[in-house]
């Protein structure tokens, strides 16, 4: 979304007051993007026939998080203190499934804030 908004800014498109986000929209975290990339790279090394050909943008892990009822939503950002607690639980739970080591939590929180 941030990339798309930057493109609109670059093209002089005024979206202020016209952009609406559902509070129930699922956030795609950088850790989910890392997991998507790691998973695809692992499949490529093991067996090319097992590759899904993903875009490595975190969509699969995002759906997995949603199915596991641990996803983050836009509405969670309304209360930053509560969001931080939920975000830490999300990272802990997510890493139990995907084990991502290289992740810049501070950078992502700065972006989300």
PDB file of N, CA and C in Angstrom:
ATOM      1  N   UNK A   1       0.811  -1.177   0.000  1.00  0.00           N
ATOM      2  CA  UNK A   1       0.000   0.000   0.000  1.00  0.00           C
ATOM      3  C   UNK A   1       0.869   1.261   0.000  1.00  0.00           C
ATOM      4  N   UNK A   2       1.944   1.244   0.804  1.00  0.00           N
ATOM      5  CA  UNK A   2       2.806   2.422   0.868  1.00  0.00           C
ATOM      6  C   UNK A   2       3.442   2.718  -0.488  1.00  0.00           C
ATOM      7  N   UNK A   3       3.814   1.658  -1.203  1.00  0.00           N
ATOM      8  CA  UNK A   3       4.389   1.841  -2.536  1.00  0.00           C
ATOM      9  C   UNK A   3       3.353   2.431  -3.497  1.00  0.00           C
ATOM     10  N   UNK A   4       2.137   1.943  -3.420  1.00  0.00           N
ATOM     11  CA  UNK A   4       1.077   2.444  -4.288  1.00  0.00           C
ATOM     12  C   UNK A   4       0.753   3.910  -3.976  1.00  0.00           C
ATOM     13  N   UNK A   5       0.729   4.263  -2.694  1.00  0.00           N
ATOM     14  CA  UNK A   5       0.476   5.649  -2.319  1.00  0.00           C
ATOM     15  C   UNK A   5       1.606   6.563  -2.790  1.00  0.00           C
ATOM     16  N   UNK A   6       2.831   6.070  -2.702  1.00  0.00           N
ATOM     17  CA  UNK A   6       3.973   6.851  -3.186  1.00  0.00           C
ATOM     18  C   UNK A   6       3.861   7.096  -4.691  1.00  0.00           C
ATOM     19  N   UNK A   7       3.388   6.081  -5.416  1.00  0.00           N
ATOM     20  CA  UNK A   7       3.208   6.233  -6.861  1.00  0.00           C
ATOM     21  C   UNK A   7       2.121   7.259  -7.170  1.00  0.00           C
ATOM     22  N   UNK A   8       1.039   7.237  -6.396  1.00  0.00           N
ATOM     23  CA  UNK A   8      -0.013   8.239  -6.580  1.00  0.00           C
ATOM     24  C   UNK A   8       0.513   9.642  -6.294  1.00  0.00           C
ATOM     25  N   UNK A   9       1.316   9.772  -5.221  1.00  0.00           N
ATOM     26  CA  UNK A   9       1.923  11.064  -4.909  1.00  0.00           C
ATOM     27  C   UNK A   9       2.806  11.540  -6.059  1.00  0.00           C
ATOM     28  N   UNK A  10       3.598  10.618  -6.571  1.00  0.00           N
ATOM     29  CA  UNK A  10       4.519  10.940  -7.667  1.00  0.00           C
ATOM     30  C   UNK A  10       3.758  11.428  -8.903  1.00  0.00           C
ATOM     31  N   UNK A  11       2.587  10.820  -9.147  1.00  0.00           N
ATOM     32  CA  UNK A  11       1.782  11.176 -10.313  1.00  0.00           C
ATOM     33  C   UNK A  11       0.819  12.333 -10.053  1.00  0.00           C
ATOM     34  N   UNK A  12       0.888  12.891  -8.835  1.00  0.00           N
ATOM     35  CA  UNK A  12       0.056  14.041  -8.519  1.00  0.00           C
ATOM     36  C   UNK A  12      -1.407  13.721  -8.291  1.00  0.00           C
ATOM     37  N   UNK A  13      -1.712  12.486  -7.940  1.00  0.00           N
ATOM     38  CA  UNK A  13      -3.099  12.084  -7.685  1.00  0.00           C
ATOM     39  C   UNK A  13      -3.417  12.361  -6.211  1.00  0.00           C
ATOM     40  N   UNK A  14      -4.436  13.173  -5.983  1.00  0.00           N
ATOM     41  CA  UNK A  14      -4.832  13.513  -4.620  1.00  0.00           C
ATOM     42  C   UNK A  14      -5.844  12.488  -4.111  1.00  0.00           C
ATOM     43  N   UNK A  15      -5.428  11.682  -3.156  1.00  0.00           N
ATOM     44  CA  UNK A  15      -6.290  10.647  -2.583  1.00  0.00           C
ATOM     45  C   UNK A  15      -6.730  11.007  -1.165  1.00  0.00           C
ATOM     46  N   UNK A  16      -6.272  12.121  -0.656  1.00  0.00           N
ATOM     47  CA  UNK A  16      -6.590  12.504   0.719  1.00  0.00           C
ATOM     48  C   UNK A  16      -8.101  12.680   0.884  1.00  0.00           C
ATOM     49  N   UNK A  17      -8.626  12.041   1.921  1.00  0.00           N
ATOM     50  CA  UNK A  17     -10.049  12.082   2.176  1.00  0.00           C
ATOM     51  C   UNK A  17     -10.843  11.068   1.371  1.00  0.00           C
ATOM     52  N   UNK A  18     -10.173  10.363   0.463  1.00  0.00           N
ATOM     53  CA  UNK A  18     -10.862   9.372  -0.377  1.00  0.00           C
ATOM     54  C   UNK A  18     -10.371   7.952  -0.116  1.00  0.00           C
ATOM     55  N   UNK A  19      -9.317   7.816   0.667  1.00  0.00           N
ATOM     56  CA  UNK A  19      -8.748   6.500   0.958  1.00  0.00           C
ATOM     57  C   UNK A  19      -9.387   5.959   2.233  1.00  0.00           C
ATOM     58  N   UNK A  20      -9.968   4.799   2.126  1.00  0.00           N
ATOM     59  CA  UNK A  20     -10.604   4.185   3.285  1.00  0.00           C
ATOM     60  C   UNK A  20     -10.035   2.776   3.478  1.00  0.00           C
ATOM     61  N   UNK A  21      -9.668   2.483   4.710  1.00  0.00           N
ATOM     62  CA  UNK A  21      -9.172   1.151   5.061  1.00  0.00           C
ATOM     63  C   UNK A  21     -10.122   0.524   6.058  1.00  0.00           C
ATOM     64  N   UNK A  22     -10.483  -0.701   5.817  1.00  0.00           N
ATOM     65  CA  UNK A  22     -11.321  -1.417   6.763  1.00  0.00           C
ATOM     66  C   UNK A  22     -10.507  -1.728   8.012  1.00  0.00           C
ATOM     67  N   UNK A  23     -11.114  -1.581   9.170  1.00  0.00           N
ATOM     68  CA  UNK A  23     -10.430  -1.930  10.419  1.00  0.00           C
ATOM     69  C   UNK A  23     -10.175  -3.435  10.482  1.00  0.00           C
ATOM     70  N   UNK A  24     -10.872  -4.195   9.651  1.00  0.00           N
ATOM     71  CA  UNK A  24     -10.703  -5.655   9.632  1.00  0.00           C
ATOM     72  C   UNK A  24      -9.688  -6.120   8.594  1.00  0.00           C
ATOM     73  N   UNK A  25      -9.113  -5.182   7.829  1.00  0.00           N
ATOM     74  CA  UNK A  25      -8.107  -5.550   6.822  1.00  0.00           C
ATOM     75  C   UNK A  25      -6.879  -6.136   7.519  1.00  0.00           C
ATOM     76  N   UNK A  26      -6.377  -7.213   6.969  1.00  0.00           N
ATOM     77  CA  UNK A  26      -5.213  -7.887   7.535  1.00  0.00           C
ATOM     78  C   UNK A  26      -3.927  -7.175   7.124  1.00  0.00           C
ATOM     79  N   UNK A  27      -3.053  -6.965   8.090  1.00  0.00           N
ATOM     80  CA  UNK A  27      -1.737  -6.383   7.815  1.00  0.00           C
ATOM     81  C   UNK A  27      -0.787  -7.493   7.374  1.00  0.00           C
ATOM     82  N   UNK A  28       0.020  -7.205   6.375  1.00  0.00           N
ATOM     83  CA  UNK A  28       1.070  -8.135   5.968  1.00  0.00           C
ATOM     84  C   UNK A  28       2.368  -7.611   6.569  1.00  0.00           C
ATOM     85  N   UNK A  29       2.940  -8.384   7.469  1.00  0.00           N
ATOM     86  CA  UNK A  29       4.148  -7.989   8.177  1.00  0.00           C
ATOM     87  C   UNK A  29       5.391  -8.351   7.371  1.00  0.00           C
ATOM     88  N   UNK A  30       6.448  -7.625   7.621  1.00  0.00           N
ATOM     89  CA  UNK A  30       7.725  -7.922   6.969  1.00  0.00           C
ATOM     90  C   UNK A  30       8.184  -9.350   7.285  1.00  0.00           C
ATOM     91  N   UNK A  31       7.869  -9.832   8.460  1.00  0.00           N
ATOM     92  CA  UNK A  31       8.268 -11.194   8.826  1.00  0.00           C
ATOM     93  C   UNK A  31       7.527 -12.226   7.957  1.00  0.00           C
ATOM     94  N   UNK A  32       6.309 -11.895   7.531  1.00  0.00           N
ATOM     95  CA  UNK A  32       5.574 -12.786   6.637  1.00  0.00           C
ATOM     96  C   UNK A  32       6.193 -12.773   5.244  1.00  0.00           C
ATOM     97  N   UNK A  33       6.669 -11.627   4.823  1.00  0.00           N
ATOM     98  CA  UNK A  33       7.361 -11.531   3.537  1.00  0.00           C
ATOM     99  C   UNK A  33       8.649 -12.343   3.576  1.00  0.00           C
ATOM    100  N   UNK A  34       9.387 -12.237   4.683  1.00  0.00           N
ATOM    101  CA  UNK A  34      10.615 -13.024   4.844  1.00  0.00           C
ATOM    102  C   UNK A  34      10.306 -14.519   4.828  1.00  0.00           C
ATOM    103  N   UNK A  35       9.233 -14.928   5.495  1.00  0.00           N
ATOM    104  CA  UNK A  35       8.851 -16.342   5.535  1.00  0.00           C
ATOM    105  C   UNK A  35       8.490 -16.851   4.146  1.00  0.00           C
ATOM    106  N   UNK A  36       7.782 -16.044   3.379  1.00  0.00           N
ATOM    107  CA  UNK A  36       7.395 -16.416   2.020  1.00  0.00           C
ATOM    108  C   UNK A  36       8.637 -16.632   1.163  1.00  0.00           C
ATOM    109  N   UNK A  37       9.567 -15.717   1.253  1.00  0.00           N
ATOM    110  CA  UNK A  37      10.807 -15.811   0.483  1.00  0.00           C
ATOM    111  C   UNK A  37      11.635 -17.021   0.912  1.00  0.00           C
ATOM    112  N   UNK A  38      11.759 -17.214   2.224  1.00  0.00           N
ATOM    113  CA  UNK A  38      12.531 -18.343   2.762  1.00  0.00           C
ATOM    114  C   UNK A  38      11.927 -19.679   2.313  1.00  0.00           C
ATOM    115  N   UNK A  39      10.626 -19.777   2.372  1.00  0.00           N
ATOM    116  CA  UNK A  39       9.935 -21.005   1.983  1.00  0.00           C
ATOM    117  C   UNK A  39      10.148 -21.314   0.499  1.00  0.00           C
ATOM    118  N   UNK A  40      10.015 -20.302  -0.338  1.00  0.00           N
ATOM    119  CA  UNK A  40      10.182 -20.501  -1.784  1.00  0.00           C
ATOM    120  C   UNK A  40      11.631 -20.858  -2.123  1.00  0.00           C
ATOM    121  N   UNK A  41      12.584 -20.178  -1.471  1.00  0.00           N
ATOM    122  CA  UNK A  41      14.000 -20.472  -1.706  1.00  0.00           C
ATOM    123  C   UNK A  41      14.347 -21.902  -1.289  1.00  0.00           C
ATOM    124  N   UNK A  42      13.758 -22.352  -0.171  1.00  0.00           N
ATOM    125  CA  UNK A  42      14.000 -23.718   0.308  1.00  0.00           C
ATOM    126  C   UNK A  42      13.456 -24.736  -0.694  1.00  0.00           C
ATOM    127  N   UNK A  43      12.276 -24.485  -1.212  1.00  0.00           N
ATOM    128  CA  UNK A  43      11.679 -25.400  -2.193  1.00  0.00           C
ATOM    129  C   UNK A  43      12.508 -25.437  -3.469  1.00  0.00           C
ATOM    130  N   UNK A  44      13.047 -24.295  -3.850  1.00  0.00           N
ATOM    131  CA  UNK A  44      13.868 -24.228  -5.061  1.00  0.00           C
ATOM    132  C   UNK A  44      15.132 -25.063  -4.907  1.00  0.00           C
ATOM    133  N   UNK A  45      15.732 -25.033  -3.740  1.00  0.00           N
ATOM    134  CA  UNK A  45      16.950 -25.806  -3.495  1.00  0.00           C
ATOM    135  C   UNK A  45      16.668 -27.302  -3.444  1.00  0.00           C
ATOM    136  N   UNK A  46      15.508 -27.670  -2.887  1.00  0.00           N
ATOM    137  CA  UNK A  46      15.179 -29.080  -2.699  1.00  0.00           C
ATOM    138  C   UNK A  46      14.665 -29.742  -3.974  1.00  0.00           C
ATOM    139  N   UNK A  47      13.708 -29.099  -4.620  1.00  0.00           N
ATOM    140  CA  UNK A  47      13.061 -29.732  -5.769  1.00  0.00           C
ATOM    141  C   UNK A  47      12.278 -28.671  -6.538  1.00  0.00           C
ATOM    142  N   UNK A  48      12.732 -28.375  -7.730  1.00  0.00           N
ATOM    143  CA  UNK A  48      12.096 -27.327  -8.531  1.00  0.00           C
ATOM    144  C   UNK A  48      10.620 -27.580  -8.797  1.00  0.00           C
ATOM    145  N   UNK A  49      10.203 -28.846  -8.792  1.00  0.00           N
ATOM    146  CA  UNK A  49       8.796 -29.152  -9.069  1.00  0.00           C
ATOM    147  C   UNK A  49       7.892 -28.758  -7.900  1.00  0.00           C
ATOM    148  N   UNK A  50       8.480 -28.503  -6.724  1.00  0.00           N
ATOM    149  CA  UNK A  50       7.691 -28.134  -5.549  1.00  0.00           C
ATOM    150  C   UNK A  50       7.495 -26.630  -5.403  1.00  0.00           C
ATOM    151  N   UNK A  51       8.160 -25.842  -6.256  1.00  0.00           N
ATOM    152  CA  UNK A  51       8.040 -24.388  -6.169  1.00  0.00           C
ATOM    153  C   UNK A  51       6.628 -23.945  -6.544  1.00  0.00           C
ATOM    154  N   UNK A  52       6.129 -22.971  -5.824  1.00  0.00           N
ATOM    155  CA  UNK A  52       4.810 -22.428  -6.127  1.00  0.00           C
ATOM    156  C   UNK A  52       4.894 -21.263  -7.096  1.00  0.00           C
ATOM    157  N   UNK A  53       6.056 -20.651  -7.167  1.00  0.00           N
ATOM    158  CA  UNK A  53       6.210 -19.480  -8.018  1.00  0.00           C
ATOM    159  C   UNK A  53       5.547 -18.262  -7.395  1.00  0.00           C
ATOM    160  N   UNK A  54       5.718 -18.102  -6.090  1.00  0.00           N
ATOM    161  CA  UNK A  54       5.087 -16.979  -5.407  1.00  0.00           C
ATOM    162  C   UNK A  54       5.764 -15.660  -5.766  1.00  0.00           C
ATOM    163  N   UNK A  55       5.096 -14.580  -5.430  1.00  0.00           N
ATOM    164  CA  UNK A  55       5.658 -13.245  -5.644  1.00  0.00           C
ATOM    165  C   UNK A  55       6.581 -12.850  -4.491  1.00  0.00           C
ATOM    166  N   UNK A  56       6.634 -13.664  -3.471  1.00  0.00           N
ATOM    167  CA  UNK A  56       7.443 -13.414  -2.267  1.00  0.00           C
ATOM    168  C   UNK A  56       7.039 -12.109  -1.585  1.00  0.00           C
ATOM    169  N   UNK A  57       5.731 -11.857  -1.564  1.00  0.00           N
ATOM    170  CA  UNK A  57       5.217 -10.638  -0.923  1.00  0.00           C
ATOM    171  C   UNK A  57       4.464 -10.943   0.368  1.00  0.00           C
ATOM    172  N   UNK A  58       4.555 -12.201   0.842  1.00  0.00           N
ATOM    173  CA  UNK A  58       4.011 -12.550   2.153  1.00  0.00           C
ATOM    174  C   UNK A  58       2.552 -12.944   2.176  1.00  0.00           C
ATOM    175  N   UNK A  59       1.946 -13.109   1.014  1.00  0.00           N
ATOM    176  CA  UNK A  59       0.513 -13.387   0.974  1.00  0.00           C
ATOM    177  C   UNK A  59       0.183 -14.762   1.572  1.00  0.00           C
ATOM    178  N   UNK A  60       0.934 -15.789   1.191  1.00  0.00           N
ATOM    179  CA  UNK A  60       0.686 -17.134   1.737  1.00  0.00           C
ATOM    180  C   UNK A  60       0.811 -17.172   3.251  1.00  0.00           C
ATOM    181  N   UNK A  61       1.941 -16.704   3.804  1.00  0.00           N
ATOM    182  CA  UNK A  61       2.063 -16.674   5.263  1.00  0.00           C
ATOM    183  C   UNK A  61       1.018 -15.776   5.936  1.00  0.00           C
ATOM    184  N   UNK A  62       0.571 -14.746   5.245  1.00  0.00           N
ATOM    185  CA  UNK A  62      -0.478 -13.881   5.799  1.00  0.00           C
ATOM    186  C   UNK A  62      -1.790 -14.659   5.923  1.00  0.00           C
ATOM    187  N   UNK A  63      -2.129 -15.419   4.885  1.00  0.00           N
ATOM    188  CA  UNK A  63      -3.331 -16.260   4.951  1.00  0.00           C
ATOM    189  C   UNK A  63      -3.184 -17.335   6.030  1.00  0.00           C
ATOM    190  N   UNK A  64      -1.979 -17.892   6.157  1.00  0.00           N
ATOM    191  CA  UNK A  64      -1.737 -18.896   7.196  1.00  0.00           C
ATOM    192  C   UNK A  64      -1.952 -18.278   8.578  1.00  0.00           C
ATOM    193  N   UNK A  65      -1.458 -17.069   8.781  1.00  0.00           N
ATOM    194  CA  UNK A  65      -1.639 -16.371  10.059  1.00  0.00           C
ATOM    195  C   UNK A  65      -3.114 -16.137  10.350  1.00  0.00           C
ATOM    196  N   UNK A  66      -3.844 -15.785   9.305  1.00  0.00           N
ATOM    197  CA  UNK A  66      -5.280 -15.547   9.464  1.00  0.00           C
ATOM    198  C   UNK A  66      -5.991 -16.844   9.850  1.00  0.00           C
ATOM    199  N   UNK A  67      -5.637 -17.937   9.175  1.00  0.00           N
ATOM    200  CA  UNK A  67      -6.263 -19.231   9.464  1.00  0.00           C
ATOM    201  C   UNK A  67      -5.929 -19.703  10.879  1.00  0.00           C
ATOM    202  N   UNK A  68      -4.731 -19.368  11.344  1.00  0.00           N
ATOM    203  CA  UNK A  68      -4.305 -19.750  12.692  1.00  0.00           C
ATOM    204  C   UNK A  68      -4.809 -18.766  13.752  1.00  0.00           C
ATOM    205  N   UNK A  69      -5.573 -17.789  13.317  1.00  0.00           N
ATOM    206  CA  UNK A  69      -6.164 -16.755  14.188  1.00  0.00           C
ATOM    207  C   UNK A  69      -5.114 -15.987  14.989  1.00  0.00           C
ATOM    208  N   UNK A  70      -4.043 -15.636  14.294  1.00  0.00           N
ATOM    209  CA  UNK A  70      -3.013 -14.835  14.954  1.00  0.00           C
ATOM    210  C   UNK A  70      -2.613 -13.625  14.111  1.00  0.00           C
ATOM    211  N   UNK A  71      -3.417 -13.299  13.105  1.00  0.00           N
ATOM    212  CA  UNK A  71      -3.058 -12.193  12.210  1.00  0.00           C
ATOM    213  C   UNK A  71      -3.269 -10.839  12.880  1.00  0.00           C
ATOM    214  N   UNK A  72      -2.610  -9.854  12.324  1.00  0.00           N
ATOM    215  CA  UNK A  72      -2.750  -8.473  12.769  1.00  0.00           C
ATOM    216  C   UNK A  72      -3.686  -7.755  11.806  1.00  0.00           C
ATOM    217  N   UNK A  73      -4.490  -6.850  12.341  1.00  0.00           N
ATOM    218  CA  UNK A  73      -5.443  -6.118  11.513  1.00  0.00           C
ATOM    219  C   UNK A  73      -5.249  -4.610  11.663  1.00  0.00           C
ATOM    220  N   UNK A  74      -5.702  -3.894  10.685  1.00  0.00           N
ATOM    221  CA  UNK A  74      -5.602  -2.433  10.702  1.00  0.00           C
ATOM    222  C   UNK A  74      -6.203  -1.872  11.989  1.00  0.00           C
ATOM    223  N   UNK A  75      -7.323  -2.392  12.414  1.00  0.00           N
ATOM    224  CA  UNK A  75      -7.984  -1.911  13.631  1.00  0.00           C
ATOM    225  C   UNK A  75      -7.145  -2.061  14.882  1.00  0.00           C
ATOM    226  N   UNK A  76      -6.216  -3.006  14.869  1.00  0.00           N
ATOM    227  CA  UNK A  76      -5.331  -3.194  16.025  1.00  0.00           C
ATOM    228  C   UNK A  76      -4.440  -1.978  16.255  1.00  0.00           C
ATOM    229  N   UNK A  77      -4.220  -1.195  15.201  1.00  0.00           N
ATOM    230  CA  UNK A  77      -3.346  -0.025  15.308  1.00  0.00           C
ATOM    231  C   UNK A  77      -3.988   1.130  16.070  1.00  0.00           C
ATOM    232  N   UNK A  78      -5.280   1.069  16.334  1.00  0.00           N
ATOM    233  CA  UNK A  78      -5.989   2.167  16.999  1.00  0.00           C
ATOM    234  C   UNK A  78      -5.451   2.439  18.399  1.00  0.00           C
ATOM    235  N   UNK A  79      -5.051   1.395  19.089  1.00  0.00           N
ATOM    236  CA  UNK A  79      -4.472   1.541  20.437  1.00  0.00           C
ATOM    237  C   UNK A  79      -3.058   0.991  20.379  1.00  0.00           C
ATOM    238  N   UNK A  80      -2.076   1.893  20.338  1.00  0.00           N
ATOM    239  CA  UNK A  80      -0.686   1.488  20.104  1.00  0.00           C
ATOM    240  C   UNK A  80      -0.155   0.556  21.191  1.00  0.00           C
ATOM    241  N   UNK A  81      -0.484   0.792  22.447  1.00  0.00           N
ATOM    242  CA  UNK A  81       0.004  -0.051  23.540  1.00  0.00           C
ATOM    243  C   UNK A  81      -0.519  -1.474  23.393  1.00  0.00           C
ATOM    244  N   UNK A  82      -1.803  -1.595  23.121  1.00  0.00           N
ATOM    245  CA  UNK A  82      -2.405  -2.910  22.927  1.00  0.00           C
ATOM    246  C   UNK A  82      -1.843  -3.563  21.663  1.00  0.00           C
ATOM    247  N   UNK A  83      -1.643  -2.752  20.613  1.00  0.00           N
ATOM    248  CA  UNK A  83      -1.068  -3.285  19.380  1.00  0.00           C
ATOM    249  C   UNK A  83       0.312  -3.887  19.634  1.00  0.00           C
ATOM    250  N   UNK A  84       1.150  -3.194  20.397  1.00  0.00           N
ATOM    251  CA  UNK A  84       2.503  -3.701  20.682  1.00  0.00           C
ATOM    252  C   UNK A  84       2.453  -5.052  21.384  1.00  0.00           C
ATOM    253  N   UNK A  85       1.508  -5.210  22.308  1.00  0.00           N
ATOM    254  CA  UNK A  85       1.357  -6.498  22.996  1.00  0.00           C
ATOM    255  C   UNK A  85       0.947  -7.587  22.001  1.00  0.00           C
ATOM    256  N   UNK A  86      -0.034  -7.261  21.165  1.00  0.00           N
ATOM    257  CA  UNK A  86      -0.500  -8.236  20.171  1.00  0.00           C
ATOM    258  C   UNK A  86       0.596  -8.538  19.150  1.00  0.00           C
ATOM    259  N   UNK A  87       1.345  -7.510  18.762  1.00  0.00           N
ATOM    260  CA  UNK A  87       2.440  -7.671  17.799  1.00  0.00           C
ATOM    261  C   UNK A  87       3.517  -8.612  18.347  1.00  0.00           C
ATOM    262  N   UNK A  88       3.879  -8.431  19.612  1.00  0.00           N
ATOM    263  CA  UNK A  88       4.880  -9.323  20.222  1.00  0.00           C
ATOM    264  C   UNK A  88       4.382 -10.762  20.283  1.00  0.00           C
ATOM    265  N   UNK A  89       3.097 -10.948  20.624  1.00  0.00           N
ATOM    266  CA  UNK A  89       2.516 -12.307  20.625  1.00  0.00           C
ATOM    267  C   UNK A  89       2.515 -12.889  19.216  1.00  0.00           C
ATOM    268  N   UNK A  90       2.168 -12.051  18.248  1.00  0.00           N
ATOM    269  CA  UNK A  90       2.167 -12.476  16.842  1.00  0.00           C
ATOM    270  C   UNK A  90       3.556 -12.955  16.433  1.00  0.00           C
ATOM    271  N   UNK A  91       4.594 -12.161  16.731  1.00  0.00           N
ATOM    272  CA  UNK A  91       5.963 -12.550  16.358  1.00  0.00           C
ATOM    273  C   UNK A  91       6.371 -13.862  17.014  1.00  0.00           C
ATOM    274  N   UNK A  92       6.047 -13.998  18.282  1.00  0.00           N
ATOM    275  CA  UNK A  92       6.391 -15.233  19.007  1.00  0.00           C
ATOM    276  C   UNK A  92       5.687 -16.435  18.369  1.00  0.00           C
ATOM    277  N   UNK A  93       4.395 -16.323  18.148  1.00  0.00           N
ATOM    278  CA  UNK A  93       3.633 -17.421  17.540  1.00  0.00           C
ATOM    279  C   UNK A  93       4.086 -17.699  16.115  1.00  0.00           C
ATOM    280  N   UNK A  94       4.315 -16.640  15.356  1.00  0.00           N
ATOM    281  CA  UNK A  94       4.728 -16.803  13.965  1.00  0.00           C
ATOM    282  C   UNK A  94       6.054 -17.542  13.876  1.00  0.00           C
ATOM    283  N   UNK A  95       6.980 -17.182  14.753  1.00  0.00           N
ATOM    284  CA  UNK A  95       8.297 -17.829  14.732  1.00  0.00           C
ATOM    285  C   UNK A  95       8.245 -19.291  15.153  1.00  0.00           C
ATOM    286  N   UNK A  96       7.227 -19.677  15.907  1.00  0.00           N
ATOM    287  CA  UNK A  96       7.069 -21.092  16.244  1.00  0.00           C
ATOM    288  C   UNK A  96       6.812 -21.914  14.982  1.00  0.00           C
ATOM    289  N   UNK A  97       6.150 -21.319  14.005  1.00  0.00           N
ATOM    290  CA  UNK A  97       5.833 -22.004  12.752  1.00  0.00           C
ATOM    291  C   UNK A  97       6.903 -21.812  11.681  1.00  0.00           C
ATOM    292  N   UNK A  98       7.477 -20.615  11.594  1.00  0.00           N
ATOM    293  CA  UNK A  98       8.333 -20.287  10.456  1.00  0.00           C
ATOM    294  C   UNK A  98       9.808 -20.051  10.779  1.00  0.00           C
ATOM    295  N   UNK A  99      10.147 -19.792  12.039  1.00  0.00           N
ATOM    296  CA  UNK A  99      11.533 -19.620  12.468  1.00  0.00           C
ATOM    297  C   UNK A  99      12.322 -18.642  11.591  1.00  0.00           C
ATOM    298  N   UNK A 100      11.960 -17.379  11.645  1.00  0.00           N
ATOM    299  CA  UNK A 100      12.634 -16.331  10.885  1.00  0.00           C
ATOM    300  C   UNK A 100      13.624 -15.630  11.803  1.00  0.00           C
ATOM    301  N   UNK A 101      14.886 -15.583  11.403  1.00  0.00           N
ATOM    302  CA  UNK A 101      15.925 -14.986  12.244  1.00  0.00           C
ATOM    303  C   UNK A 101      16.245 -13.541  11.858  1.00  0.00           C
ATOM    304  N   UNK A 102      16.280 -13.248  10.567  1.00  0.00           N
ATOM    305  CA  UNK A 102      16.673 -11.917  10.095  1.00  0.00           C
ATOM    306  C   UNK A 102      15.443 -11.041   9.900  1.00  0.00           C
ATOM    307  N   UNK A 103      15.118 -10.305  10.942  1.00  0.00           N
ATOM    308  CA  UNK A 103      13.914  -9.484  10.893  1.00  0.00           C
ATOM    309  C   UNK A 103      14.144  -8.229  11.717  1.00  0.00           C
ATOM    310  N   UNK A 104      13.855  -7.073  11.134  1.00  0.00           N
ATOM    311  CA  UNK A 104      14.057  -5.793  11.799  1.00  0.00           C
ATOM    312  C   UNK A 104      12.734  -5.297  12.390  1.00  0.00           C
ATOM    313  N   UNK A 105      12.478  -5.702  13.619  1.00  0.00           N
ATOM    314  CA  UNK A 105      11.235  -5.368  14.307  1.00  0.00           C
ATOM    315  C   UNK A 105      11.082  -3.852  14.460  1.00  0.00           C
ATOM    316  N   UNK A 106      12.143  -3.175  14.857  1.00  0.00           N
ATOM    317  CA  UNK A 106      12.082  -1.727  15.083  1.00  0.00           C
ATOM    318  C   UNK A 106      11.697  -0.983  13.805  1.00  0.00           C
ATOM    319  N   UNK A 107      12.303  -1.367  12.693  1.00  0.00           N
ATOM    320  CA  UNK A 107      11.998  -0.715  11.420  1.00  0.00           C
ATOM    321  C   UNK A 107      10.526  -0.873  11.063  1.00  0.00           C
ATOM    322  N   UNK A 108      10.008  -2.098  11.236  1.00  0.00           N
ATOM    323  CA  UNK A 108       8.598  -2.322  10.894  1.00  0.00           C
ATOM    324  C   UNK A 108       7.674  -1.522  11.814  1.00  0.00           C
ATOM    325  N   UNK A 109       7.976  -1.512  13.108  1.00  0.00           N
ATOM    326  CA  UNK A 109       7.133  -0.748  14.033  1.00  0.00           C
ATOM    327  C   UNK A 109       7.164   0.734  13.710  1.00  0.00           C
ATOM    328  N   UNK A 110       8.324   1.253  13.313  1.00  0.00           N
ATOM    329  CA  UNK A 110       8.423   2.651  12.906  1.00  0.00           C
ATOM    330  C   UNK A 110       7.532   2.925  11.692  1.00  0.00           C
ATOM    331  N   UNK A 111       7.540   1.999  10.739  1.00  0.00           N
ATOM    332  CA  UNK A 111       6.710   2.140   9.537  1.00  0.00           C
ATOM    333  C   UNK A 111       5.233   2.102   9.891  1.00  0.00           C
ATOM    334  N   UNK A 112       4.840   1.172  10.734  1.00  0.00           N
ATOM    335  CA  UNK A 112       3.443   1.034  11.101  1.00  0.00           C
ATOM    336  C   UNK A 112       2.940   2.215  11.934  1.00  0.00           C
ATOM    337  N   UNK A 113       3.807   2.733  12.762  1.00  0.00           N
ATOM    338  CA  UNK A 113       3.394   3.865  13.602  1.00  0.00           C
ATOM    339  C   UNK A 113       3.147   5.092  12.763  1.00  0.00           C
TER     340      UNK A 113
END
